[in-house]
């Protein structure tokens, strides 16, 4: 089991402080205060220092903590800032537009950076193993590039990491607005060629399995619950094992990889590892599992998600 965090070389993101169920984060030029239920300890900096540093603070709404509305609320401006701005992830070769949403998010989950690095490196290794020299970016020969499927793909950082490394990427999410956001991130990064799909992830995976389609990379970052574009019901506890079985049917048996990331409280890294072992079998080149964390200036690790990553 490993514990991973973004590299200190990523200058556009920093967890400045955490504690008292909140986190103080810098995104490029701007600093935010957001609720964080896992920050059980006391802050290192004073409340006054937090408000001096922060440009905006997220205030939970009346539905905060209720299913479907647990992240809803509004932003209170403390210092002048733009409501939309851009940061770069140089290690992956892409840029991301950020913005203040009504669900406390800003358009990226920074603790995912180690997964982005894994995805990019895995694609490059597949290309090298096949003797290819496809290069990076929008000039890739899509007909010979490794096929990567990104399910629950949100605003597309993982899709961009795979595409920049040379993959042919299918980006799927059930929410049209975030797919549009992801397309904007692709264009902002000077890339093209990503395939965009607005559909229920489980329905799509089942159809691909019936058709016998295969992918050399599959990325899974499912929410605890949600709905597809046609009202399909998603509940992690009930649907995840089925989805993993479908993914096992469409992941290529060699020169391939899987990334499973889970945010749901109560889901451990060991559980993620057991799920992957149960559905993908014992024929793999490597299988790693662990936690993704952010560390603040005081050195405290804030655990935010668990992962299992397989290579064949």
C-alpha atoms as a PDB file:
ATOM      1  CA  UNK A   1       0.000   0.000   0.000  1.00  0.00           C
ATOM      2  CA  UNK A   2       1.313   3.433  -0.947  1.00  0.00           C
ATOM      3  CA  UNK A   3       0.453   6.990   0.035  1.00  0.00           C
ATOM      4  CA  UNK A   4       0.877   9.495  -2.773  1.00  0.00           C
ATOM      5  CA  UNK A   5       0.553  13.261  -3.166  1.00  0.00           C
ATOM      6  CA  UNK A   6       1.098  15.857  -5.897  1.00  0.00           C
ATOM      7  CA  UNK A   7       4.700  16.796  -6.586  1.00  0.00           C
ATOM      8  CA  UNK A   8       6.020  19.935  -4.904  1.00  0.00           C
ATOM      9  CA  UNK A   9       7.052  21.025  -8.398  1.00  0.00           C
ATOM     10  CA  UNK A  10       3.408  21.753  -9.223  1.00  0.00           C
ATOM     11  CA  UNK A  11       3.507  25.488  -8.566  1.00  0.00           C
ATOM     12  CA  UNK A  12      -0.121  26.256  -9.412  1.00  0.00           C
ATOM     13  CA  UNK A  13      -1.596  24.356  -6.459  1.00  0.00           C
ATOM     14  CA  UNK A  14      -0.894  24.338  -2.727  1.00  0.00           C
ATOM     15  CA  UNK A  15      -2.739  23.225   0.388  1.00  0.00           C
ATOM     16  CA  UNK A  16      -1.705  26.083   2.659  1.00  0.00           C
ATOM     17  CA  UNK A  17      -3.449  24.949   5.840  1.00  0.00           C
ATOM     18  CA  UNK A  18      -6.161  22.565   7.032  1.00  0.00           C
ATOM     19  CA  UNK A  19      -8.168  21.953  10.167  1.00  0.00           C
ATOM     20  CA  UNK A  20     -11.424  22.644  11.970  1.00  0.00           C
ATOM     21  CA  UNK A  21     -13.241  20.873   9.097  1.00  0.00           C
ATOM     22  CA  UNK A  22     -11.917  23.221   6.398  1.00  0.00           C
ATOM     23  CA  UNK A  23      -9.008  23.646   4.004  1.00  0.00           C
ATOM     24  CA  UNK A  24      -7.168  26.732   2.760  1.00  0.00           C
ATOM     25  CA  UNK A  25      -5.966  26.201  -0.815  1.00  0.00           C
ATOM     26  CA  UNK A  26      -4.092  28.245  -3.406  1.00  0.00           C
ATOM     27  CA  UNK A  27      -4.978  27.763  -7.068  1.00  0.00           C
ATOM     28  CA  UNK A  28      -2.594  29.849  -9.134  1.00  0.00           C
ATOM     29  CA  UNK A  29      -3.116  33.441  -7.981  1.00  0.00           C
ATOM     30  CA  UNK A  30      -6.237  32.810  -5.881  1.00  0.00           C
ATOM     31  CA  UNK A  31      -6.857  31.271  -2.449  1.00  0.00           C
ATOM     32  CA  UNK A  32     -10.074  29.580  -1.358  1.00  0.00           C
ATOM     33  CA  UNK A  33     -11.596  28.339   1.894  1.00  0.00           C
ATOM     34  CA  UNK A  34     -13.717  25.206   1.502  1.00  0.00           C
ATOM     35  CA  UNK A  35     -15.353  22.756   3.934  1.00  0.00           C
ATOM     36  CA  UNK A  36     -13.406  19.533   4.519  1.00  0.00           C
ATOM     37  CA  UNK A  37     -15.034  16.956   6.833  1.00  0.00           C
ATOM     38  CA  UNK A  38     -11.800  14.928   7.058  1.00  0.00           C
ATOM     39  CA  UNK A  39      -9.775  17.832   8.530  1.00  0.00           C
ATOM     40  CA  UNK A  40     -10.476  16.834  12.129  1.00  0.00           C
ATOM     41  CA  UNK A  41      -7.488  18.605  13.695  1.00  0.00           C
ATOM     42  CA  UNK A  42      -6.982  22.281  14.610  1.00  0.00           C
ATOM     43  CA  UNK A  43      -5.764  24.849  12.095  1.00  0.00           C
ATOM     44  CA  UNK A  44      -2.118  25.905  12.181  1.00  0.00           C
ATOM     45  CA  UNK A  45      -2.941  29.475  11.185  1.00  0.00           C
ATOM     46  CA  UNK A  46      -5.450  31.751  12.896  1.00  0.00           C
ATOM     47  CA  UNK A  47      -8.916  32.466  11.524  1.00  0.00           C
ATOM     48  CA  UNK A  48      -7.773  36.020  10.874  1.00  0.00           C
ATOM     49  CA  UNK A  49      -4.820  34.777   8.802  1.00  0.00           C
ATOM     50  CA  UNK A  50      -7.088  32.503   6.786  1.00  0.00           C
ATOM     51  CA  UNK A  51      -9.374  35.392   5.930  1.00  0.00           C
ATOM     52  CA  UNK A  52      -6.428  37.642   5.145  1.00  0.00           C
ATOM     53  CA  UNK A  53      -5.027  35.126   2.660  1.00  0.00           C
ATOM     54  CA  UNK A  54      -8.277  33.905   1.113  1.00  0.00           C
ATOM     55  CA  UNK A  55     -10.023  35.550  -1.820  1.00  0.00           C
ATOM     56  CA  UNK A  56     -13.263  33.639  -1.328  1.00  0.00           C
ATOM     57  CA  UNK A  57     -14.959  31.274   1.120  1.00  0.00           C
ATOM     58  CA  UNK A  58     -17.573  28.638   0.385  1.00  0.00           C
ATOM     59  CA  UNK A  59     -20.625  28.835   2.654  1.00  0.00           C
ATOM     60  CA  UNK A  60     -22.749  25.663   2.852  1.00  0.00           C
ATOM     61  CA  UNK A  61     -26.431  26.035   2.049  1.00  0.00           C
ATOM     62  CA  UNK A  62     -29.506  24.725   3.819  1.00  0.00           C
ATOM     63  CA  UNK A  63     -29.190  21.357   2.095  1.00  0.00           C
ATOM     64  CA  UNK A  64     -25.589  20.813   3.094  1.00  0.00           C
ATOM     65  CA  UNK A  65     -25.153  17.276   4.391  1.00  0.00           C
ATOM     66  CA  UNK A  66     -28.276  15.914   2.678  1.00  0.00           C
ATOM     67  CA  UNK A  67     -28.096  13.315  -0.092  1.00  0.00           C
ATOM     68  CA  UNK A  68     -27.805  15.040  -3.446  1.00  0.00           C
ATOM     69  CA  UNK A  69     -27.172  18.450  -1.896  1.00  0.00           C
ATOM     70  CA  UNK A  70     -24.338  17.779   0.514  1.00  0.00           C
ATOM     71  CA  UNK A  71     -21.969  20.167  -1.284  1.00  0.00           C
ATOM     72  CA  UNK A  72     -24.447  22.917  -2.190  1.00  0.00           C
ATOM     73  CA  UNK A  73     -23.951  26.500  -1.083  1.00  0.00           C
ATOM     74  CA  UNK A  74     -22.579  29.883  -2.127  1.00  0.00           C
ATOM     75  CA  UNK A  75     -19.234  31.709  -2.273  1.00  0.00           C
ATOM     76  CA  UNK A  76     -18.513  34.799  -0.171  1.00  0.00           C
ATOM     77  CA  UNK A  77     -15.935  37.159  -1.688  1.00  0.00           C
ATOM     78  CA  UNK A  78     -13.233  38.330   0.735  1.00  0.00           C
ATOM     79  CA  UNK A  79     -10.871  39.933  -1.786  1.00  0.00           C
ATOM     80  CA  UNK A  80     -11.214  40.804  -5.450  1.00  0.00           C
ATOM     81  CA  UNK A  81     -10.780  37.881  -7.866  1.00  0.00           C
ATOM     82  CA  UNK A  82     -12.025  36.475 -11.161  1.00  0.00           C
ATOM     83  CA  UNK A  83     -14.820  33.903 -11.041  1.00  0.00           C
ATOM     84  CA  UNK A  84     -13.013  31.931 -13.759  1.00  0.00           C
ATOM     85  CA  UNK A  85      -9.267  31.543 -14.214  1.00  0.00           C
ATOM     86  CA  UNK A  86      -6.646  29.120 -15.556  1.00  0.00           C
ATOM     87  CA  UNK A  87      -3.943  26.985 -13.983  1.00  0.00           C
ATOM     88  CA  UNK A  88      -1.365  24.722 -15.637  1.00  0.00           C
ATOM     89  CA  UNK A  89      -0.213  21.195 -14.889  1.00  0.00           C
ATOM     90  CA  UNK A  90       3.220  21.204 -16.572  1.00  0.00           C
ATOM     91  CA  UNK A  91       4.019  17.567 -15.727  1.00  0.00           C
ATOM     92  CA  UNK A  92       1.035  16.483 -17.812  1.00  0.00           C
ATOM     93  CA  UNK A  93       1.354  19.164 -20.440  1.00  0.00           C
ATOM     94  CA  UNK A  94      -2.138  20.605 -20.056  1.00  0.00           C
ATOM     95  CA  UNK A  95      -4.099  23.542 -18.667  1.00  0.00           C
ATOM     96  CA  UNK A  96      -7.357  23.684 -16.721  1.00  0.00           C
ATOM     97  CA  UNK A  97      -9.993  26.376 -16.438  1.00  0.00           C
ATOM     98  CA  UNK A  98     -11.229  26.774 -12.880  1.00  0.00           C
ATOM     99  CA  UNK A  99     -14.427  28.378 -11.688  1.00  0.00           C
ATOM    100  CA  UNK A 100     -16.562  28.814  -8.571  1.00  0.00           C
ATOM    101  CA  UNK A 101     -19.475  26.368  -8.690  1.00  0.00           C
ATOM    102  CA  UNK A 102     -22.494  26.070  -6.413  1.00  0.00           C
ATOM    103  CA  UNK A 103     -21.226  22.653  -5.232  1.00  0.00           C
ATOM    104  CA  UNK A 104     -18.005  23.868  -3.542  1.00  0.00           C
ATOM    105  CA  UNK A 105     -15.842  22.488  -6.364  1.00  0.00           C
ATOM    106  CA  UNK A 106     -13.666  24.566  -8.677  1.00  0.00           C
ATOM    107  CA  UNK A 107     -13.242  22.118 -11.583  1.00  0.00           C
ATOM    108  CA  UNK A 108     -10.315  19.944 -10.539  1.00  0.00           C
ATOM    109  CA  UNK A 109      -9.384  17.523  -7.749  1.00  0.00           C
ATOM    110  CA  UNK A 110      -5.669  18.240  -7.179  1.00  0.00           C
ATOM    111  CA  UNK A 111      -4.945  15.102  -5.171  1.00  0.00           C
ATOM    112  CA  UNK A 112      -5.514  13.202  -8.443  1.00  0.00           C
ATOM    113  CA  UNK A 113      -2.187  14.417  -9.861  1.00  0.00           C
ATOM    114  CA  UNK A 114      -0.409  11.087  -9.108  1.00  0.00           C
ATOM    115  CA  UNK A 115      -3.115   9.297 -11.100  1.00  0.00           C
ATOM    116  CA  UNK A 116      -2.612  11.697 -14.026  1.00  0.00           C
ATOM    117  CA  UNK A 117       1.113  10.927 -13.918  1.00  0.00           C
ATOM    118  CA  UNK A 118       0.426   7.182 -13.854  1.00  0.00           C
ATOM    119  CA  UNK A 119      -1.945   7.460 -16.827  1.00  0.00           C
ATOM    120  CA  UNK A 120       0.510   9.443 -18.936  1.00  0.00           C
ATOM    121  CA  UNK A 121       3.398   7.116 -18.154  1.00  0.00           C
ATOM    122  CA  UNK A 122       1.287   4.006 -18.813  1.00  0.00           C
ATOM    123  CA  UNK A 123       0.274   5.279 -22.252  1.00  0.00           C
ATOM    124  CA  UNK A 124       3.881   6.069 -23.124  1.00  0.00           C
ATOM    125  CA  UNK A 125       4.978   2.604 -21.990  1.00  0.00           C
ATOM    126  CA  UNK A 126       2.357   0.936 -24.177  1.00  0.00           C
ATOM    127  CA  UNK A 127       3.464   2.974 -27.182  1.00  0.00           C
ATOM    128  CA  UNK A 128       7.115   2.096 -26.518  1.00  0.00           C
ATOM    129  CA  UNK A 129       6.295  -1.606 -26.069  1.00  0.00           C
ATOM    130  CA  UNK A 130       4.532  -1.639 -29.429  1.00  0.00           C
ATOM    131  CA  UNK A 131       7.507   0.022 -31.088  1.00  0.00           C
ATOM    132  CA  UNK A 132       5.537   3.148 -31.914  1.00  0.00           C
ATOM    133  CA  UNK A 133       6.729   6.713 -32.199  1.00  0.00           C
ATOM    134  CA  UNK A 134       3.401   8.468 -32.319  1.00  0.00           C
ATOM    135  CA  UNK A 135       4.532  11.540 -30.454  1.00  0.00           C
ATOM    136  CA  UNK A 136       2.402  13.685 -28.201  1.00  0.00           C
ATOM    137  CA  UNK A 137      -0.478  16.069 -28.666  1.00  0.00           C
ATOM    138  CA  UNK A 138      -3.039  16.625 -31.389  1.00  0.00           C
ATOM    139  CA  UNK A 139      -0.878  15.328 -34.213  1.00  0.00           C
ATOM    140  CA  UNK A 140      -1.112  11.713 -33.066  1.00  0.00           C
ATOM    141  CA  UNK A 141      -2.135   9.009 -35.514  1.00  0.00           C
ATOM    142  CA  UNK A 142      -5.433   8.008 -33.878  1.00  0.00           C
ATOM    143  CA  UNK A 143      -5.653   4.784 -35.914  1.00  0.00           C
ATOM    144  CA  UNK A 144      -2.611   3.291 -34.131  1.00  0.00           C
ATOM    145  CA  UNK A 145      -2.794   4.995 -30.729  1.00  0.00           C
ATOM    146  CA  UNK A 146      -3.708   3.085 -27.532  1.00  0.00           C
ATOM    147  CA  UNK A 147      -7.423   3.410 -26.830  1.00  0.00           C
ATOM    148  CA  UNK A 148      -8.245   4.839 -23.391  1.00  0.00           C
ATOM    149  CA  UNK A 149     -11.741   5.055 -21.869  1.00  0.00           C
ATOM    150  CA  UNK A 150     -12.343   7.615 -19.121  1.00  0.00           C
ATOM    151  CA  UNK A 151     -15.632   7.001 -17.283  1.00  0.00           C
ATOM    152  CA  UNK A 152     -17.175   9.605 -14.934  1.00  0.00           C
ATOM    153  CA  UNK A 153     -14.580  11.852 -16.591  1.00  0.00           C
ATOM    154  CA  UNK A 154     -15.668  15.230 -15.118  1.00  0.00           C
ATOM    155  CA  UNK A 155     -13.694  18.189 -16.517  1.00  0.00           C
ATOM    156  CA  UNK A 156     -11.115  15.984 -18.154  1.00  0.00           C
ATOM    157  CA  UNK A 157      -7.707  16.224 -16.478  1.00  0.00           C
ATOM    158  CA  UNK A 158      -7.196  12.444 -16.774  1.00  0.00           C
ATOM    159  CA  UNK A 159      -8.389  12.540 -20.394  1.00  0.00           C
ATOM    160  CA  UNK A 160      -5.896  15.286 -21.176  1.00  0.00           C
ATOM    161  CA  UNK A 161      -3.059  13.368 -19.501  1.00  0.00           C
ATOM    162  CA  UNK A 162      -3.811  10.331 -21.674  1.00  0.00           C
ATOM    163  CA  UNK A 163      -4.258  12.347 -24.865  1.00  0.00           C
ATOM    164  CA  UNK A 164      -1.061  14.333 -24.376  1.00  0.00           C
ATOM    165  CA  UNK A 165       0.855  11.080 -23.921  1.00  0.00           C
ATOM    166  CA  UNK A 166      -0.436   9.786 -27.251  1.00  0.00           C
ATOM    167  CA  UNK A 167      -3.697   7.920 -26.573  1.00  0.00           C
ATOM    168  CA  UNK A 168      -6.950   7.886 -28.473  1.00  0.00           C
ATOM    169  CA  UNK A 169      -9.311   8.981 -25.702  1.00  0.00           C
ATOM    170  CA  UNK A 170     -13.039   8.406 -25.158  1.00  0.00           C
ATOM    171  CA  UNK A 171     -14.282  10.818 -22.482  1.00  0.00           C
ATOM    172  CA  UNK A 172     -17.646   9.924 -20.946  1.00  0.00           C
ATOM    173  CA  UNK A 173     -19.743  11.757 -18.388  1.00  0.00           C
ATOM    174  CA  UNK A 174     -23.491  11.964 -17.766  1.00  0.00           C
ATOM    175  CA  UNK A 175     -23.522  15.766 -17.309  1.00  0.00           C
ATOM    176  CA  UNK A 176     -23.437  17.850 -20.484  1.00  0.00           C
ATOM    177  CA  UNK A 177     -22.105  20.960 -18.731  1.00  0.00           C
ATOM    178  CA  UNK A 178     -18.957  19.256 -17.449  1.00  0.00           C
ATOM    179  CA  UNK A 179     -18.306  17.639 -20.832  1.00  0.00           C
ATOM    180  CA  UNK A 180     -18.452  21.125 -22.342  1.00  0.00           C
ATOM    181  CA  UNK A 181     -16.037  22.281 -19.616  1.00  0.00           C
ATOM    182  CA  UNK A 182     -13.699  19.395 -20.454  1.00  0.00           C
ATOM    183  CA  UNK A 183     -13.784  20.237 -24.172  1.00  0.00           C
ATOM    184  CA  UNK A 184     -12.787  23.789 -23.274  1.00  0.00           C
ATOM    185  CA  UNK A 185      -9.839  22.446 -21.260  1.00  0.00           C
ATOM    186  CA  UNK A 186      -8.733  20.397 -24.273  1.00  0.00           C
ATOM    187  CA  UNK A 187      -8.811  23.457 -26.519  1.00  0.00           C
ATOM    188  CA  UNK A 188      -7.101  25.579 -23.868  1.00  0.00           C
ATOM    189  CA  UNK A 189      -4.306  22.977 -23.794  1.00  0.00           C
ATOM    190  CA  UNK A 190      -3.826  23.077 -27.566  1.00  0.00           C
ATOM    191  CA  UNK A 191      -5.107  19.550 -28.136  1.00  0.00           C
ATOM    192  CA  UNK A 192      -7.867  17.964 -30.187  1.00  0.00           C
ATOM    193  CA  UNK A 193      -9.218  14.552 -31.135  1.00  0.00           C
ATOM    194  CA  UNK A 194     -10.899  13.471 -27.893  1.00  0.00           C
ATOM    195  CA  UNK A 195     -14.183  11.601 -28.378  1.00  0.00           C
ATOM    196  CA  UNK A 196     -16.949  13.087 -26.215  1.00  0.00           C
ATOM    197  CA  UNK A 197     -19.885  10.982 -24.975  1.00  0.00           C
ATOM    198  CA  UNK A 198     -22.767  12.017 -22.709  1.00  0.00           C
ATOM    199  CA  UNK A 199     -24.174   8.759 -21.383  1.00  0.00           C
ATOM    200  CA  UNK A 200     -24.632   6.502 -18.391  1.00  0.00           C
ATOM    201  CA  UNK A 201     -21.280   4.797 -17.676  1.00  0.00           C
ATOM    202  CA  UNK A 202     -22.668   1.357 -16.845  1.00  0.00           C
ATOM    203  CA  UNK A 203     -24.930   1.305 -19.907  1.00  0.00           C
ATOM    204  CA  UNK A 204     -22.022   2.287 -22.168  1.00  0.00           C
ATOM    205  CA  UNK A 205     -19.669  -0.323 -20.680  1.00  0.00           C
ATOM    206  CA  UNK A 206     -22.265  -3.072 -21.109  1.00  0.00           C
ATOM    207  CA  UNK A 207     -22.758  -2.126 -24.755  1.00  0.00           C
ATOM    208  CA  UNK A 208     -19.019  -2.075 -25.424  1.00  0.00           C
ATOM    209  CA  UNK A 209     -18.715  -5.533 -23.841  1.00  0.00           C
ATOM    210  CA  UNK A 210     -21.514  -6.905 -26.066  1.00  0.00           C
ATOM    211  CA  UNK A 211     -19.799  -5.449 -29.127  1.00  0.00           C
ATOM    212  CA  UNK A 212     -16.445  -6.940 -28.175  1.00  0.00           C
ATOM    213  CA  UNK A 213     -14.686  -3.578 -28.130  1.00  0.00           C
ATOM    214  CA  UNK A 214     -11.415  -3.387 -26.192  1.00  0.00           C
ATOM    215  CA  UNK A 215      -9.447  -0.579 -24.550  1.00  0.00           C
ATOM    216  CA  UNK A 216      -5.822  -0.481 -23.468  1.00  0.00           C
ATOM    217  CA  UNK A 217      -6.613   1.904 -20.649  1.00  0.00           C
ATOM    218  CA  UNK A 218      -9.701   2.368 -18.460  1.00  0.00           C
ATOM    219  CA  UNK A 219     -10.074   5.141 -15.883  1.00  0.00           C
ATOM    220  CA  UNK A 220     -12.845   4.928 -13.263  1.00  0.00           C
ATOM    221  CA  UNK A 221     -13.606   7.712 -10.782  1.00  0.00           C
ATOM    222  CA  UNK A 222     -17.242   7.039  -9.837  1.00  0.00           C
ATOM    223  CA  UNK A 223     -19.346   9.148  -7.468  1.00  0.00           C
ATOM    224  CA  UNK A 224     -21.213   7.736  -4.493  1.00  0.00           C
ATOM    225  CA  UNK A 225     -24.522   8.311  -6.297  1.00  0.00           C
ATOM    226  CA  UNK A 226     -25.863  10.042  -9.361  1.00  0.00           C
ATOM    227  CA  UNK A 227     -28.067   9.792 -12.425  1.00  0.00           C
ATOM    228  CA  UNK A 228     -27.430   9.207 -16.105  1.00  0.00           C
ATOM    229  CA  UNK A 229     -28.725  11.598 -18.783  1.00  0.00           C
ATOM    230  CA  UNK A 230     -31.919   9.507 -19.135  1.00  0.00           C
ATOM    231  CA  UNK A 231     -32.488   9.189 -15.399  1.00  0.00           C
ATOM    232  CA  UNK A 232     -30.470   6.002 -14.927  1.00  0.00           C
ATOM    233  CA  UNK A 233     -29.812   5.493 -11.225  1.00  0.00           C
ATOM    234  CA  UNK A 234     -26.229   5.111 -10.011  1.00  0.00           C
ATOM    235  CA  UNK A 235     -25.446   4.038  -6.466  1.00  0.00           C
ATOM    236  CA  UNK A 236     -21.838   3.079  -5.823  1.00  0.00           C
ATOM    237  CA  UNK A 237     -22.528   0.250  -3.361  1.00  0.00           C
ATOM    238  CA  UNK A 238     -24.986  -1.404  -5.737  1.00  0.00           C
ATOM    239  CA  UNK A 239     -23.413  -0.739  -9.149  1.00  0.00           C
ATOM    240  CA  UNK A 240     -19.626  -0.685  -8.765  1.00  0.00           C
ATOM    241  CA  UNK A 241     -18.985  -4.435  -8.895  1.00  0.00           C
ATOM    242  CA  UNK A 242     -21.171  -4.786 -11.994  1.00  0.00           C
ATOM    243  CA  UNK A 243     -19.324  -1.923 -13.689  1.00  0.00           C
ATOM    244  CA  UNK A 244     -15.940  -3.445 -12.851  1.00  0.00           C
ATOM    245  CA  UNK A 245     -17.068  -6.751 -14.371  1.00  0.00           C
ATOM    246  CA  UNK A 246     -17.993  -4.958 -17.586  1.00  0.00           C
ATOM    247  CA  UNK A 247     -14.646  -3.158 -17.565  1.00  0.00           C
ATOM    248  CA  UNK A 248     -12.826  -6.467 -17.087  1.00  0.00           C
ATOM    249  CA  UNK A 249     -14.503  -7.669 -20.282  1.00  0.00           C
ATOM    250  CA  UNK A 250     -13.343  -4.665 -22.324  1.00  0.00           C
ATOM    251  CA  UNK A 251      -9.818  -4.149 -20.959  1.00  0.00           C
ATOM    252  CA  UNK A 252      -7.206  -5.606 -23.313  1.00  0.00           C
ATOM    253  CA  UNK A 253      -5.525  -8.721 -21.847  1.00  0.00           C
ATOM    254  CA  UNK A 254      -2.009  -7.298 -22.294  1.00  0.00           C
ATOM    255  CA  UNK A 255      -0.281  -3.923 -22.687  1.00  0.00           C
ATOM    256  CA  UNK A 256      -3.123  -2.290 -20.790  1.00  0.00           C
ATOM    257  CA  UNK A 257      -3.895  -0.521 -17.516  1.00  0.00           C
ATOM    258  CA  UNK A 258      -6.729   0.337 -15.137  1.00  0.00           C
ATOM    259  CA  UNK A 259      -7.137   3.174 -12.654  1.00  0.00           C
ATOM    260  CA  UNK A 260      -9.903   2.920 -10.040  1.00  0.00           C
ATOM    261  CA  UNK A 261     -10.357   5.914  -7.738  1.00  0.00           C
ATOM    262  CA  UNK A 262     -12.916   6.059  -4.925  1.00  0.00           C
ATOM    263  CA  UNK A 263     -13.983   9.021  -2.786  1.00  0.00           C
ATOM    264  CA  UNK A 264     -16.862   7.490  -0.846  1.00  0.00           C
ATOM    265  CA  UNK A 265     -16.421   7.600   2.940  1.00  0.00           C
ATOM    266  CA  UNK A 266     -16.000   4.121   4.335  1.00  0.00           C
ATOM    267  CA  UNK A 267     -14.269   2.785   1.218  1.00  0.00           C
ATOM    268  CA  UNK A 268     -10.724   1.733   2.030  1.00  0.00           C
ATOM    269  CA  UNK A 269      -7.706   1.151  -0.191  1.00  0.00           C
ATOM    270  CA  UNK A 270      -7.852  -2.533   0.739  1.00  0.00           C
ATOM    271  CA  UNK A 271     -11.450  -2.666  -0.473  1.00  0.00           C
ATOM    272  CA  UNK A 272     -10.451  -1.063  -3.793  1.00  0.00           C
ATOM    273  CA  UNK A 273      -7.647  -3.611  -4.155  1.00  0.00           C
ATOM    274  CA  UNK A 274      -9.947  -6.536  -3.366  1.00  0.00           C
ATOM    275  CA  UNK A 275     -12.535  -5.347  -5.892  1.00  0.00           C
ATOM    276  CA  UNK A 276      -9.945  -5.105  -8.658  1.00  0.00           C
ATOM    277  CA  UNK A 277      -8.405  -8.488  -7.820  1.00  0.00           C
ATOM    278  CA  UNK A 278     -11.873 -10.079  -7.742  1.00  0.00           C
ATOM    279  CA  UNK A 279     -12.861  -8.800 -11.175  1.00  0.00           C
ATOM    280  CA  UNK A 280      -9.588  -8.660 -13.146  1.00  0.00           C
ATOM    281  CA  UNK A 281      -7.995 -11.908 -11.972  1.00  0.00           C
ATOM    282  CA  UNK A 282      -4.371 -12.679 -11.226  1.00  0.00           C
ATOM    283  CA  UNK A 283      -2.742 -12.110 -14.622  1.00  0.00           C
ATOM    284  CA  UNK A 284      -1.144  -8.700 -14.318  1.00  0.00           C
ATOM    285  CA  UNK A 285       2.307  -7.149 -14.451  1.00  0.00           C
ATOM    286  CA  UNK A 286       1.700  -4.908 -11.430  1.00  0.00           C
ATOM    287  CA  UNK A 287      -1.104  -4.041  -9.031  1.00  0.00           C
ATOM    288  CA  UNK A 288      -0.770  -1.194  -6.559  1.00  0.00           C
ATOM    289  CA  UNK A 289      -3.241   0.350  -4.146  1.00  0.00           C
ATOM    290  CA  UNK A 290      -3.187   3.149  -1.611  1.00  0.00           C
ATOM    291  CA  UNK A 291      -4.399   6.602  -0.655  1.00  0.00           C
ATOM    292  CA  UNK A 292      -4.117   9.983  -2.318  1.00  0.00           C
ATOM    293  CA  UNK A 293      -3.437  12.830   0.085  1.00  0.00           C
ATOM    294  CA  UNK A 294      -2.662  16.527   0.183  1.00  0.00           C
ATOM    295  CA  UNK A 295      -0.092  17.885   2.655  1.00  0.00           C
ATOM    296  CA  UNK A 296      -0.356  21.355   4.132  1.00  0.00           C
ATOM    297  CA  UNK A 297       2.551  23.597   5.126  1.00  0.00           C
ATOM    298  CA  UNK A 298       2.574  22.010   8.574  1.00  0.00           C
ATOM    299  CA  UNK A 299       3.240  18.638   6.946  1.00  0.00           C
ATOM    300  CA  UNK A 300      -0.106  17.101   7.865  1.00  0.00           C
ATOM    301  CA  UNK A 301      -1.514  14.609   5.380  1.00  0.00           C
ATOM    302  CA  UNK A 302      -5.174  15.114   4.451  1.00  0.00           C
ATOM    303  CA  UNK A 303      -6.501  11.805   3.004  1.00  0.00           C
ATOM    304  CA  UNK A 304      -9.019  12.374   0.233  1.00  0.00           C
ATOM    305  CA  UNK A 305      -9.388   9.252  -1.919  1.00  0.00           C
ATOM    306  CA  UNK A 306      -8.269   5.654  -2.333  1.00  0.00           C
ATOM    307  CA  UNK A 307      -7.057   3.987  -5.504  1.00  0.00           C
ATOM    308  CA  UNK A 308      -6.148   0.694  -7.124  1.00  0.00           C
ATOM    309  CA  UNK A 309      -3.987   0.708 -10.284  1.00  0.00           C
ATOM    310  CA  UNK A 310      -3.359  -2.324 -12.444  1.00  0.00           C
ATOM    311  CA  UNK A 311      -1.003  -2.926 -15.376  1.00  0.00           C
ATOM    312  CA  UNK A 312      -1.069  -5.888 -17.712  1.00  0.00           C
END
